[in-house]
Amino acid sequence: MSSEPISSESLISGLSVGDVTQVVMPAAPCLTNDLPDDIQEPDELAFAKAPTLMINSEEESSGQDSLDLGTVVDTAPKYYVQGIVLGQRACIVTNLLSGGSQTLFQPQMVWTIGRNREAALPLRDRALSRRHAVILYVPEEGFYLVDLNSMNGSFVNGIRLQQRQLLKDSDRIRLGSFEFSFFTSKNARSIEPIHPEVLARFTGVKSRTENFIDYSALEEPEVLFRLPSED
């Protein structure tokens, strides 16, 4: 056997075009780690580094499907503002401020929002202007959001405001880094009163001291829940 090294030309001459490509063109190394941090997106890195997953059994596939279907992603904002109308007056209830939910009354029914400490809703956020926006109530119309020419704008359902916006129930508002849901209701109804005998069972001393009350023991509930005047 000859000890002379085999040249690359003689090796390639006996190979097909596809084989030559595999010999001459080795796979380029992944340069992902050499990219600047601002270019490397987490999703792209995860995709590039993830190994190929081969699923050969139906059990594994069905198990994966059940996992995906059972995953619930909560995207609802944790903050809220609720507009409440009380006759000719209005107020808002919100948990944007520290200390839990608060009810805020304002004589002119105008609530300012911004970094200003004198605002009705002072929020510590550098993305907010000192006087960023206001929520105002107009009788017979509803609650409006008005942007005060803020630097970063005010958004309702992802759309930047160009003029004052009438707010609807479940609207999503973003001001600076804060995102919250707005709730309001134009409908009100009165609930039928409870029969005094049943009410006594709910509010009596005995019902407050016992851990469990078997309300199913009430006979003819359709009669007990009627007022005496209806008998």
C-alpha atoms as a PDB file:
ATOM      1  CA  MET A   1       0.000   0.000   0.000  1.00  0.00           C
ATOM      2  CA  SER A   2       1.352   3.395  -1.006  1.00  0.00           C
ATOM      3  CA  SER A   3       2.190   5.789   1.807  1.00  0.00           C
ATOM      4  CA  GLU A   4       1.851   8.858  -0.387  1.00  0.00           C
ATOM      5  CA  PRO A   5      -0.945  11.211   0.629  1.00  0.00           C
ATOM      6  CA  ILE A   6      -3.937  11.352  -1.652  1.00  0.00           C
ATOM      7  CA  SER A   7      -4.440  14.793  -3.152  1.00  0.00           C
ATOM      8  CA  SER A   8      -7.798  16.505  -2.946  1.00  0.00           C
ATOM      9  CA  GLU A   9      -7.963  16.614  -6.778  1.00  0.00           C
ATOM     10  CA  SER A  10      -7.686  12.848  -7.136  1.00  0.00           C
ATOM     11  CA  LEU A  11     -10.248  12.326  -4.389  1.00  0.00           C
ATOM     12  CA  ILE A  12     -12.776  14.697  -5.925  1.00  0.00           C
ATOM     13  CA  SER A  13     -12.341  13.290  -9.433  1.00  0.00           C
ATOM     14  CA  GLY A  14     -14.000  10.053  -8.393  1.00  0.00           C
ATOM     15  CA  LEU A  15     -17.020  11.642  -6.748  1.00  0.00           C
ATOM     16  CA  SER A  16     -20.325  12.868  -8.075  1.00  0.00           C
ATOM     17  CA  VAL A  17     -21.370  16.500  -8.037  1.00  0.00           C
ATOM     18  CA  GLY A  18     -23.430  15.999  -4.877  1.00  0.00           C
ATOM     19  CA  ASP A  19     -20.539  14.257  -3.149  1.00  0.00           C
ATOM     20  CA  VAL A  20     -18.173  17.007  -4.165  1.00  0.00           C
ATOM     21  CA  THR A  21     -20.514  19.545  -2.637  1.00  0.00           C
ATOM     22  CA  GLN A  22     -20.509  17.651   0.633  1.00  0.00           C
ATOM     23  CA  VAL A  23     -16.712  17.456   0.662  1.00  0.00           C
ATOM     24  CA  VAL A  24     -15.834  20.912  -0.532  1.00  0.00           C
ATOM     25  CA  MET A  25     -18.684  22.857   1.130  1.00  0.00           C
ATOM     26  CA  PRO A  26     -18.779  21.965   4.805  1.00  0.00           C
ATOM     27  CA  ALA A  27     -21.608  23.393   6.848  1.00  0.00           C
ATOM     28  CA  ALA A  28     -20.837  26.891   8.007  1.00  0.00           C
ATOM     29  CA  PRO A  29     -20.587  27.231  11.790  1.00  0.00           C
ATOM     30  CA  CYS A  30     -23.481  28.971  13.545  1.00  0.00           C
ATOM     31  CA  LEU A  31     -22.538  32.565  14.238  1.00  0.00           C
ATOM     32  CA  THR A  32     -25.505  33.297  16.446  1.00  0.00           C
ATOM     33  CA  ASN A  33     -23.387  33.803  19.542  1.00  0.00           C
ATOM     34  CA  ASP A  34     -21.207  36.305  17.688  1.00  0.00           C
ATOM     35  CA  LEU A  35     -24.115  38.620  16.916  1.00  0.00           C
ATOM     36  CA  PRO A  36     -24.658  41.758  18.957  1.00  0.00           C
ATOM     37  CA  ASP A  37     -27.144  41.453  21.818  1.00  0.00           C
ATOM     38  CA  ASP A  38     -29.605  43.796  20.160  1.00  0.00           C
ATOM     39  CA  ILE A  39     -29.825  41.519  17.106  1.00  0.00           C
ATOM     40  CA  GLN A  40     -30.233  38.228  18.916  1.00  0.00           C
ATOM     41  CA  GLU A  41     -33.937  37.824  19.535  1.00  0.00           C
ATOM     42  CA  PRO A  42     -34.838  35.264  22.235  1.00  0.00           C
ATOM     43  CA  ASP A  43     -37.361  33.533  19.993  1.00  0.00           C
ATOM     44  CA  GLU A  44     -34.829  33.238  17.161  1.00  0.00           C
ATOM     45  CA  LEU A  45     -32.156  31.875  19.496  1.00  0.00           C
ATOM     46  CA  ALA A  46     -34.540  29.309  20.903  1.00  0.00           C
ATOM     47  CA  PHE A  47     -35.525  28.237  17.404  1.00  0.00           C
ATOM     48  CA  ALA A  48     -31.896  27.992  16.211  1.00  0.00           C
ATOM     49  CA  LYS A  49     -30.689  26.015  19.223  1.00  0.00           C
ATOM     50  CA  ALA A  50     -33.705  23.743  19.637  1.00  0.00           C
ATOM     51  CA  PRO A  51     -33.006  20.111  18.661  1.00  0.00           C
ATOM     52  CA  THR A  52     -35.132  18.432  16.057  1.00  0.00           C
ATOM     53  CA  LEU A  53     -37.990  16.576  17.725  1.00  0.00           C
ATOM     54  CA  MET A  54     -39.201  13.410  16.007  1.00  0.00           C
ATOM     55  CA  ILE A  55     -42.559  12.066  17.190  1.00  0.00           C
ATOM     56  CA  ASN A  56     -43.151   8.516  16.033  1.00  0.00           C
ATOM     57  CA  SER A  57     -46.014   7.413  18.266  1.00  0.00           C
ATOM     58  CA  GLU A  58     -49.610   8.592  18.297  1.00  0.00           C
ATOM     59  CA  GLU A  59     -49.607   8.580  22.105  1.00  0.00           C
ATOM     60  CA  GLU A  60     -46.888  11.226  22.255  1.00  0.00           C
ATOM     61  CA  SER A  61     -48.710  13.332  19.690  1.00  0.00           C
ATOM     62  CA  SER A  62     -52.027  13.141  21.504  1.00  0.00           C
ATOM     63  CA  GLY A  63     -50.331  13.928  24.802  1.00  0.00           C
ATOM     64  CA  GLN A  64     -48.753  17.037  23.318  1.00  0.00           C
ATOM     65  CA  ASP A  65     -52.106  18.144  21.912  1.00  0.00           C
ATOM     66  CA  SER A  66     -53.794  17.765  25.282  1.00  0.00           C
ATOM     67  CA  LEU A  67     -51.043  19.833  26.885  1.00  0.00           C
ATOM     68  CA  ASP A  68     -51.493  22.637  24.382  1.00  0.00           C
ATOM     69  CA  LEU A  69     -55.266  22.633  24.774  1.00  0.00           C
ATOM     70  CA  GLY A  70     -54.976  22.741  28.544  1.00  0.00           C
ATOM     71  CA  THR A  71     -52.626  25.728  28.603  1.00  0.00           C
ATOM     72  CA  VAL A  72     -54.402  28.970  29.490  1.00  0.00           C
ATOM     73  CA  VAL A  73     -52.601  32.257  28.939  1.00  0.00           C
ATOM     74  CA  ASP A  74     -53.914  35.137  31.039  1.00  0.00           C
ATOM     75  CA  THR A  75     -53.423  38.346  29.075  1.00  0.00           C
ATOM     76  CA  ALA A  76     -55.865  40.519  30.984  1.00  0.00           C
ATOM     77  CA  PRO A  77     -54.328  43.582  32.651  1.00  0.00           C
ATOM     78  CA  LYS A  78     -54.153  43.425  36.433  1.00  0.00           C
ATOM     79  CA  TYR A  79     -55.213  47.069  36.766  1.00  0.00           C
ATOM     80  CA  TYR A  80     -58.666  48.509  36.141  1.00  0.00           C
ATOM     81  CA  VAL A  81     -60.721  51.678  36.225  1.00  0.00           C
ATOM     82  CA  GLN A  82     -64.486  51.419  36.640  1.00  0.00           C
ATOM     83  CA  GLY A  83     -66.793  54.328  35.901  1.00  0.00           C
ATOM     84  CA  ILE A  84     -69.885  54.489  38.107  1.00  0.00           C
ATOM     85  CA  VAL A  85     -72.864  56.804  37.594  1.00  0.00           C
ATOM     86  CA  LEU A  86     -74.953  57.716  40.641  1.00  0.00           C
ATOM     87  CA  GLY A  87     -77.849  59.814  39.400  1.00  0.00           C
ATOM     88  CA  GLN A  88     -76.367  63.146  38.339  1.00  0.00           C
ATOM     89  CA  ARG A  89     -72.993  62.312  39.860  1.00  0.00           C
ATOM     90  CA  ALA A  90     -70.236  60.007  38.748  1.00  0.00           C
ATOM     91  CA  CYS A  91     -67.148  58.503  40.300  1.00  0.00           C
ATOM     92  CA  ILE A  92     -64.426  56.045  39.388  1.00  0.00           C
ATOM     93  CA  VAL A  93     -63.129  53.013  41.252  1.00  0.00           C
ATOM     94  CA  THR A  94     -59.565  51.931  40.495  1.00  0.00           C
ATOM     95  CA  ASN A  95     -56.637  49.913  41.812  1.00  0.00           C
ATOM     96  CA  LEU A  96     -54.030  51.960  39.951  1.00  0.00           C
ATOM     97  CA  LEU A  97     -53.051  53.676  43.198  1.00  0.00           C
ATOM     98  CA  SER A  98     -51.246  52.052  46.095  1.00  0.00           C
ATOM     99  CA  GLY A  99     -53.368  50.694  48.900  1.00  0.00           C
ATOM    100  CA  GLY A 100     -55.843  48.646  46.885  1.00  0.00           C
ATOM    101  CA  SER A 101     -59.037  49.726  45.158  1.00  0.00           C
ATOM    102  CA  GLN A 102     -60.207  53.267  45.867  1.00  0.00           C
ATOM    103  CA  THR A 103     -63.358  55.228  45.019  1.00  0.00           C
ATOM    104  CA  LEU A 104     -62.578  58.704  43.690  1.00  0.00           C
ATOM    105  CA  PHE A 105     -65.153  61.510  43.595  1.00  0.00           C
ATOM    106  CA  GLN A 106     -64.300  64.740  41.757  1.00  0.00           C
ATOM    107  CA  PRO A 107     -66.634  67.797  41.738  1.00  0.00           C
ATOM    108  CA  GLN A 108     -66.262  68.485  37.994  1.00  0.00           C
ATOM    109  CA  MET A 109     -66.135  64.738  37.242  1.00  0.00           C
ATOM    110  CA  VAL A 110     -62.701  65.122  35.622  1.00  0.00           C
ATOM    111  CA  TRP A 111     -59.881  62.831  36.749  1.00  0.00           C
ATOM    112  CA  THR A 112     -56.354  63.791  35.670  1.00  0.00           C
ATOM    113  CA  ILE A 113     -53.665  61.155  35.137  1.00  0.00           C
ATOM    114  CA  GLY A 114     -49.911  61.734  35.049  1.00  0.00           C
ATOM    115  CA  ARG A 115     -46.656  62.023  36.978  1.00  0.00           C
ATOM    116  CA  ASN A 116     -47.802  65.243  38.639  1.00  0.00           C
ATOM    117  CA  ARG A 117     -48.372  64.622  42.341  1.00  0.00           C
ATOM    118  CA  GLU A 118     -51.449  66.851  42.211  1.00  0.00           C
ATOM    119  CA  ALA A 119     -53.128  64.631  39.628  1.00  0.00           C
ATOM    120  CA  ALA A 120     -56.197  62.651  40.613  1.00  0.00           C
ATOM    121  CA  LEU A 121     -54.271  59.528  39.632  1.00  0.00           C
ATOM    122  CA  PRO A 122     -50.563  60.276  40.203  1.00  0.00           C
ATOM    123  CA  LEU A 123     -48.521  57.436  38.709  1.00  0.00           C
ATOM    124  CA  ARG A 124     -44.772  57.004  39.040  1.00  0.00           C
ATOM    125  CA  ASP A 125     -43.820  56.164  35.491  1.00  0.00           C
ATOM    126  CA  ARG A 126     -41.126  57.867  33.412  1.00  0.00           C
ATOM    127  CA  ALA A 127     -43.037  57.021  30.249  1.00  0.00           C
ATOM    128  CA  LEU A 128     -45.875  59.281  31.419  1.00  0.00           C
ATOM    129  CA  SER A 129     -46.018  63.026  30.978  1.00  0.00           C
ATOM    130  CA  ARG A 130     -46.669  65.163  34.038  1.00  0.00           C
ATOM    131  CA  ARG A 131     -50.150  65.862  32.702  1.00  0.00           C
ATOM    132  CA  HIS A 132     -50.726  62.891  30.449  1.00  0.00           C
ATOM    133  CA  ALA A 133     -54.477  62.360  30.079  1.00  0.00           C
ATOM    134  CA  VAL A 134     -57.851  62.823  31.736  1.00  0.00           C
ATOM    135  CA  ILE A 135     -60.959  60.730  32.182  1.00  0.00           C
ATOM    136  CA  LEU A 136     -64.069  62.899  32.160  1.00  0.00           C
ATOM    137  CA  TYR A 137     -67.741  62.154  32.492  1.00  0.00           C
ATOM    138  CA  VAL A 138     -70.316  63.881  30.301  1.00  0.00           C
ATOM    139  CA  PRO A 139     -73.914  63.420  31.525  1.00  0.00           C
ATOM    140  CA  GLU A 140     -76.163  61.460  29.171  1.00  0.00           C
ATOM    141  CA  GLU A 141     -73.091  60.442  27.139  1.00  0.00           C
ATOM    142  CA  GLY A 142     -70.578  58.579  29.247  1.00  0.00           C
ATOM    143  CA  PHE A 143     -66.910  58.530  30.184  1.00  0.00           C
ATOM    144  CA  TYR A 144     -64.292  59.913  27.812  1.00  0.00           C
ATOM    145  CA  LEU A 145     -60.513  59.566  27.668  1.00  0.00           C
ATOM    146  CA  VAL A 146     -58.667  62.685  26.511  1.00  0.00           C
ATOM    147  CA  ASP A 147     -54.941  62.819  25.751  1.00  0.00           C
ATOM    148  CA  LEU A 148     -53.259  66.059  26.856  1.00  0.00           C
ATOM    149  CA  ASN A 149     -50.696  66.173  24.039  1.00  0.00           C
ATOM    150  CA  SER A 150     -48.514  63.719  25.928  1.00  0.00           C
ATOM    151  CA  MET A 151     -45.113  62.717  24.612  1.00  0.00           C
ATOM    152  CA  ASN A 152     -45.826  58.987  24.318  1.00  0.00           C
ATOM    153  CA  GLY A 153     -49.543  59.187  23.612  1.00  0.00           C
ATOM    154  CA  SER A 154     -52.619  57.446  24.984  1.00  0.00           C
ATOM    155  CA  PHE A 155     -53.961  54.217  23.499  1.00  0.00           C
ATOM    156  CA  VAL A 156     -57.383  52.573  23.546  1.00  0.00           C
ATOM    157  CA  ASN A 157     -57.441  48.969  22.311  1.00  0.00           C
ATOM    158  CA  GLY A 158     -54.029  49.491  20.729  1.00  0.00           C
ATOM    159  CA  ILE A 159     -54.999  52.617  18.754  1.00  0.00           C
ATOM    160  CA  ARG A 160     -53.400  55.950  19.591  1.00  0.00           C
ATOM    161  CA  LEU A 161     -55.897  58.682  20.356  1.00  0.00           C
ATOM    162  CA  GLN A 162     -56.182  61.595  17.958  1.00  0.00           C
ATOM    163  CA  GLN A 163     -59.176  63.118  19.734  1.00  0.00           C
ATOM    164  CA  ARG A 164     -61.232  62.396  22.812  1.00  0.00           C
ATOM    165  CA  GLN A 165     -62.543  58.847  22.866  1.00  0.00           C
ATOM    166  CA  LEU A 166     -65.843  57.657  24.333  1.00  0.00           C
ATOM    167  CA  LEU A 167     -64.979  54.638  26.461  1.00  0.00           C
ATOM    168  CA  LYS A 168     -66.886  51.374  26.242  1.00  0.00           C
ATOM    169  CA  ASP A 169     -67.141  48.519  28.683  1.00  0.00           C
ATOM    170  CA  SER A 170     -64.006  46.306  28.664  1.00  0.00           C
ATOM    171  CA  ASP A 171     -61.872  48.800  26.703  1.00  0.00           C
ATOM    172  CA  ARG A 172     -58.133  48.375  27.237  1.00  0.00           C
ATOM    173  CA  ILE A 173     -56.214  51.557  27.905  1.00  0.00           C
ATOM    174  CA  ARG A 174     -52.448  52.052  27.835  1.00  0.00           C
ATOM    175  CA  LEU A 175     -50.820  55.155  29.278  1.00  0.00           C
ATOM    176  CA  GLY A 176     -47.041  55.005  29.426  1.00  0.00           C
ATOM    177  CA  SER A 177     -46.103  51.641  30.941  1.00  0.00           C
ATOM    178  CA  PHE A 178     -49.508  51.192  32.567  1.00  0.00           C
ATOM    179  CA  GLU A 179     -52.170  49.082  30.895  1.00  0.00           C
ATOM    180  CA  PHE A 180     -55.593  48.718  32.472  1.00  0.00           C
ATOM    181  CA  SER A 181     -59.145  47.719  31.638  1.00  0.00           C
ATOM    182  CA  PHE A 182     -62.036  50.163  31.779  1.00  0.00           C
ATOM    183  CA  PHE A 183     -65.447  49.002  32.933  1.00  0.00           C
ATOM    184  CA  THR A 184     -68.770  50.797  32.910  1.00  0.00           C
ATOM    185  CA  SER A 185     -72.444  49.970  32.645  1.00  0.00           C
ATOM    186  CA  LYS A 186     -75.396  51.815  31.175  1.00  0.00           C
ATOM    187  CA  ASN A 187     -77.962  49.265  32.317  1.00  0.00           C
ATOM    188  CA  ALA A 188     -79.442  48.952  35.800  1.00  0.00           C
ATOM    189  CA  ARG A 189     -82.240  46.815  37.139  1.00  0.00           C
ATOM    190  CA  SER A 190     -83.829  46.148  40.504  1.00  0.00           C
ATOM    191  CA  ILE A 191     -83.886  42.659  41.965  1.00  0.00           C
ATOM    192  CA  GLU A 192     -87.084  41.313  43.520  1.00  0.00           C
ATOM    193  CA  PRO A 193     -87.072  41.456  47.349  1.00  0.00           C
ATOM    194  CA  ILE A 194     -86.676  38.247  49.319  1.00  0.00           C
ATOM    195  CA  HIS A 195     -89.516  36.927  51.453  1.00  0.00           C
ATOM    196  CA  PRO A 196     -89.041  38.011  55.119  1.00  0.00           C
ATOM    197  CA  GLU A 197     -88.991  34.418  56.382  1.00  0.00           C
ATOM    198  CA  VAL A 198     -86.186  33.491  54.032  1.00  0.00           C
ATOM    199  CA  LEU A 199     -84.347  36.729  54.773  1.00  0.00           C
ATOM    200  CA  ALA A 200     -84.518  35.945  58.484  1.00  0.00           C
ATOM    201  CA  ARG A 201     -82.795  32.631  57.824  1.00  0.00           C
ATOM    202  CA  PHE A 202     -79.984  34.426  55.991  1.00  0.00           C
ATOM    203  CA  THR A 203     -79.447  37.244  58.472  1.00  0.00           C
ATOM    204  CA  GLY A 204     -80.479  35.661  61.787  1.00  0.00           C
ATOM    205  CA  VAL A 205     -78.054  35.002  64.610  1.00  0.00           C
ATOM    206  CA  LYS A 206     -78.344  31.261  64.099  1.00  0.00           C
ATOM    207  CA  SER A 207     -77.346  31.460  60.445  1.00  0.00           C
ATOM    208  CA  ARG A 208     -74.290  33.536  61.312  1.00  0.00           C
ATOM    209  CA  THR A 209     -73.052  31.112  63.962  1.00  0.00           C
ATOM    210  CA  GLU A 210     -73.586  27.860  62.109  1.00  0.00           C
ATOM    211  CA  ASN A 211     -70.979  26.681  59.630  1.00  0.00           C
ATOM    212  CA  PHE A 212     -73.515  25.156  57.276  1.00  0.00           C
ATOM    213  CA  ILE A 213     -77.200  25.726  56.684  1.00  0.00           C
ATOM    214  CA  ASP A 214     -79.248  23.278  54.657  1.00  0.00           C
ATOM    215  CA  TYR A 215     -81.292  25.734  52.607  1.00  0.00           C
ATOM    216  CA  SER A 216     -82.711  22.826  50.666  1.00  0.00           C
ATOM    217  CA  ALA A 217     -84.836  22.128  53.750  1.00  0.00           C
ATOM    218  CA  LEU A 218     -86.984  25.134  52.873  1.00  0.00           C
ATOM    219  CA  GLU A 219     -90.357  23.837  51.729  1.00  0.00           C
ATOM    220  CA  GLU A 220     -91.960  25.265  48.646  1.00  0.00           C
ATOM    221  CA  PRO A 221     -89.274  27.876  47.918  1.00  0.00           C
ATOM    222  CA  GLU A 222     -91.399  29.361  45.149  1.00  0.00           C
ATOM    223  CA  VAL A 223     -93.898  30.336  47.875  1.00  0.00           C
ATOM    224  CA  LEU A 224     -91.366  31.460  50.458  1.00  0.00           C
ATOM    225  CA  PHE A 225     -89.669  33.809  48.021  1.00  0.00           C
ATOM    226  CA  ARG A 226     -92.916  35.649  47.313  1.00  0.00           C
ATOM    227  CA  LEU A 227     -93.891  38.699  49.319  1.00  0.00           C
ATOM    228  CA  PRO A 228     -96.836  38.349  51.712  1.00  0.00           C
ATOM    229  CA  SER A 229     -98.868  40.785  49.590  1.00  0.00           C
ATOM    230  CA  GLU A 230     -98.758  38.315  46.705  1.00  0.00           C
ATOM    231  CA  ASP A 231    -100.524  35.536  48.689  1.00  0.00           C
END
